[in-house]
Protein backbone atom coordinates (compact mmCIF):
# COMPACT_ATOMS: atom_id res chain seq x y z
CA MET A 1 -20.58 63.43 47.88
CA LYS A 2 -18.68 62.28 50.97
CA LEU A 3 -20.07 59.06 52.46
CA LEU A 4 -19.43 56.92 55.51
CA LEU A 5 -20.71 53.37 55.06
CA ASP A 6 -21.62 51.63 58.30
CA ALA A 7 -19.93 48.24 58.75
CA CYS A 8 -23.29 46.50 58.16
CA VAL A 9 -23.33 47.81 54.57
CA TRP A 10 -21.78 45.36 52.08
CA GLY A 11 -18.11 46.23 51.58
CA GLY A 12 -18.46 45.81 47.82
CA ALA A 13 -20.76 48.82 47.74
CA ARG A 14 -17.76 51.02 48.57
CA GLN A 15 -16.09 50.36 45.23
CA GLN A 16 -19.27 50.92 43.25
CA LEU A 17 -19.97 54.20 45.05
CA SER A 18 -16.35 55.32 44.60
CA GLN A 19 -16.50 54.53 40.89
CA ALA A 20 -19.58 56.76 40.69
CA GLY A 21 -17.42 59.64 41.96
CA HIS A 22 -18.17 59.62 45.69
CA ASP A 23 -15.57 59.91 48.47
CA VAL A 24 -16.29 56.76 50.50
CA VAL A 25 -15.08 55.49 53.88
CA TRP A 26 -16.28 52.05 55.07
CA ALA A 27 -16.45 51.39 58.82
CA GLY A 28 -15.74 47.73 58.08
CA ASP A 29 -12.09 48.72 57.54
CA TRP A 30 -11.72 50.02 61.09
CA ARG A 31 -9.94 47.94 63.73
CA GLU A 32 -12.86 48.16 66.16
CA ASP A 33 -16.50 49.13 66.06
CA PRO A 34 -16.62 52.39 68.04
CA GLY A 35 -20.40 52.19 68.49
CA ASP A 36 -23.25 54.05 66.86
CA ASP A 37 -22.72 57.36 68.70
CA GLU A 38 -19.12 57.63 67.54
CA ILE A 39 -19.90 56.51 63.98
CA LEU A 40 -22.55 59.23 63.68
CA ALA A 41 -20.23 61.80 65.28
CA ARG A 42 -17.38 60.88 62.93
CA ALA A 43 -19.65 61.19 59.90
CA ASP A 44 -20.68 64.62 61.17
CA ARG A 45 -17.09 65.74 61.86
CA GLU A 46 -16.00 64.64 58.38
CA SER A 47 -19.13 66.08 56.67
CA ARG A 48 -20.15 62.63 55.43
CA VAL A 49 -23.60 61.24 54.76
CA LEU A 50 -23.98 58.04 56.78
CA VAL A 51 -25.23 55.00 54.84
CA THR A 52 -26.54 52.21 57.04
CA LEU A 53 -28.98 49.33 57.42
CA ASP A 54 -29.47 50.16 61.10
CA LYS A 55 -32.53 52.11 62.27
CA ASP A 56 -30.78 53.09 65.51
CA PHE A 57 -29.07 56.02 63.78
CA GLY A 58 -32.42 57.62 62.99
CA GLU A 59 -33.34 57.32 66.66
CA LEU A 60 -30.06 58.92 67.68
CA ALA A 61 -30.70 61.79 65.28
CA ILE A 62 -34.41 62.33 65.87
CA VAL A 63 -35.08 61.28 69.47
CA HIS A 64 -31.71 62.19 70.97
CA GLY A 65 -30.94 65.17 68.74
CA ARG A 66 -27.48 63.99 67.64
CA ARG A 67 -25.93 66.07 64.88
CA HIS A 68 -25.50 64.47 61.49
CA ARG A 69 -24.84 65.39 57.86
CA GLY A 70 -27.58 63.22 56.41
CA ILE A 71 -28.45 59.55 56.76
CA VAL A 72 -29.44 57.01 54.11
CA ARG A 73 -31.00 53.88 55.59
CA LEU A 74 -31.32 50.87 53.30
CA VAL A 75 -34.13 48.49 54.29
CA ASN A 76 -34.28 44.89 53.04
CA ILE A 77 -31.98 45.58 50.10
CA SER A 78 -29.75 42.70 49.02
CA ALA A 79 -26.02 43.25 49.41
CA GLN A 80 -25.43 43.37 45.66
CA GLN A 81 -28.14 46.03 45.20
CA GLN A 82 -27.13 48.31 48.07
CA ALA A 83 -24.89 50.57 45.98
CA SER A 84 -27.50 50.92 43.23
CA PHE A 85 -30.28 51.91 45.63
CA CYS A 86 -27.92 54.22 47.50
CA LEU A 87 -26.94 55.96 44.25
CA GLN A 88 -30.61 56.47 43.41
CA ALA A 89 -31.19 58.09 46.81
CA LEU A 90 -28.09 60.27 46.48
CA ASP A 91 -29.09 61.43 43.00
CA ARG A 92 -32.70 62.11 43.97
CA TYR A 93 -32.12 63.71 47.38
CA ALA A 94 -28.62 65.22 47.24
CA THR A 95 -29.82 68.69 48.19
CA GLU A 96 -31.93 67.41 51.07
CA LEU A 97 -29.15 65.14 52.35
CA ASP A 98 -26.77 68.09 52.19
CA ALA A 99 -29.22 69.78 54.60
CA SER A 100 -29.12 66.77 57.02
CA ALA A 101 -32.21 64.88 55.85
CA ILE A 102 -32.82 61.22 56.61
CA VAL A 103 -33.76 59.07 53.61
CA THR A 104 -35.19 55.58 54.08
CA VAL A 105 -34.92 53.37 51.02
CA ASP A 106 -36.60 50.05 50.33
CA ALA A 107 -37.23 48.24 47.06
CA GLN A 108 -40.64 49.87 46.63
CA ARG A 109 -40.11 53.49 47.65
CA MET A 110 -38.02 56.18 49.26
CA ARG A 111 -39.18 58.25 52.23
CA ILE A 112 -37.53 61.42 53.37
CA ARG A 113 -37.53 63.24 56.66
CA SER A 114 -36.14 66.70 56.17
CA ALA A 115 -33.96 68.33 58.80
CA ARG A 116 -36.60 70.96 59.49
CA SER A 117 -39.09 68.25 60.55
CA GLU A 118 -36.73 66.90 63.22
């Protein structure tokens, strides 16, 4: 799966996700932070699922109707566990994410908002 990791996601997660076979871009490598709107737009243009810690992307997608190719939001997950929890979400909800779902992941559970409920 193609992923765009927001700069707030631990950079070490990129390598772990790449080793699991995913095509990963990390916004932390960019010269400047282009802002949430452009990050979400770039993920959409490149057909990438956005992985973030930031709830603002869900608001952009749901409230403001911004296009996206799926969002995984990690909540209160330690940096070293971010890749592991992300991989679980990708494995469990790949089909739904491919259809632009939003998956919220915390240590206790995963919640999904399908594209048709937006």
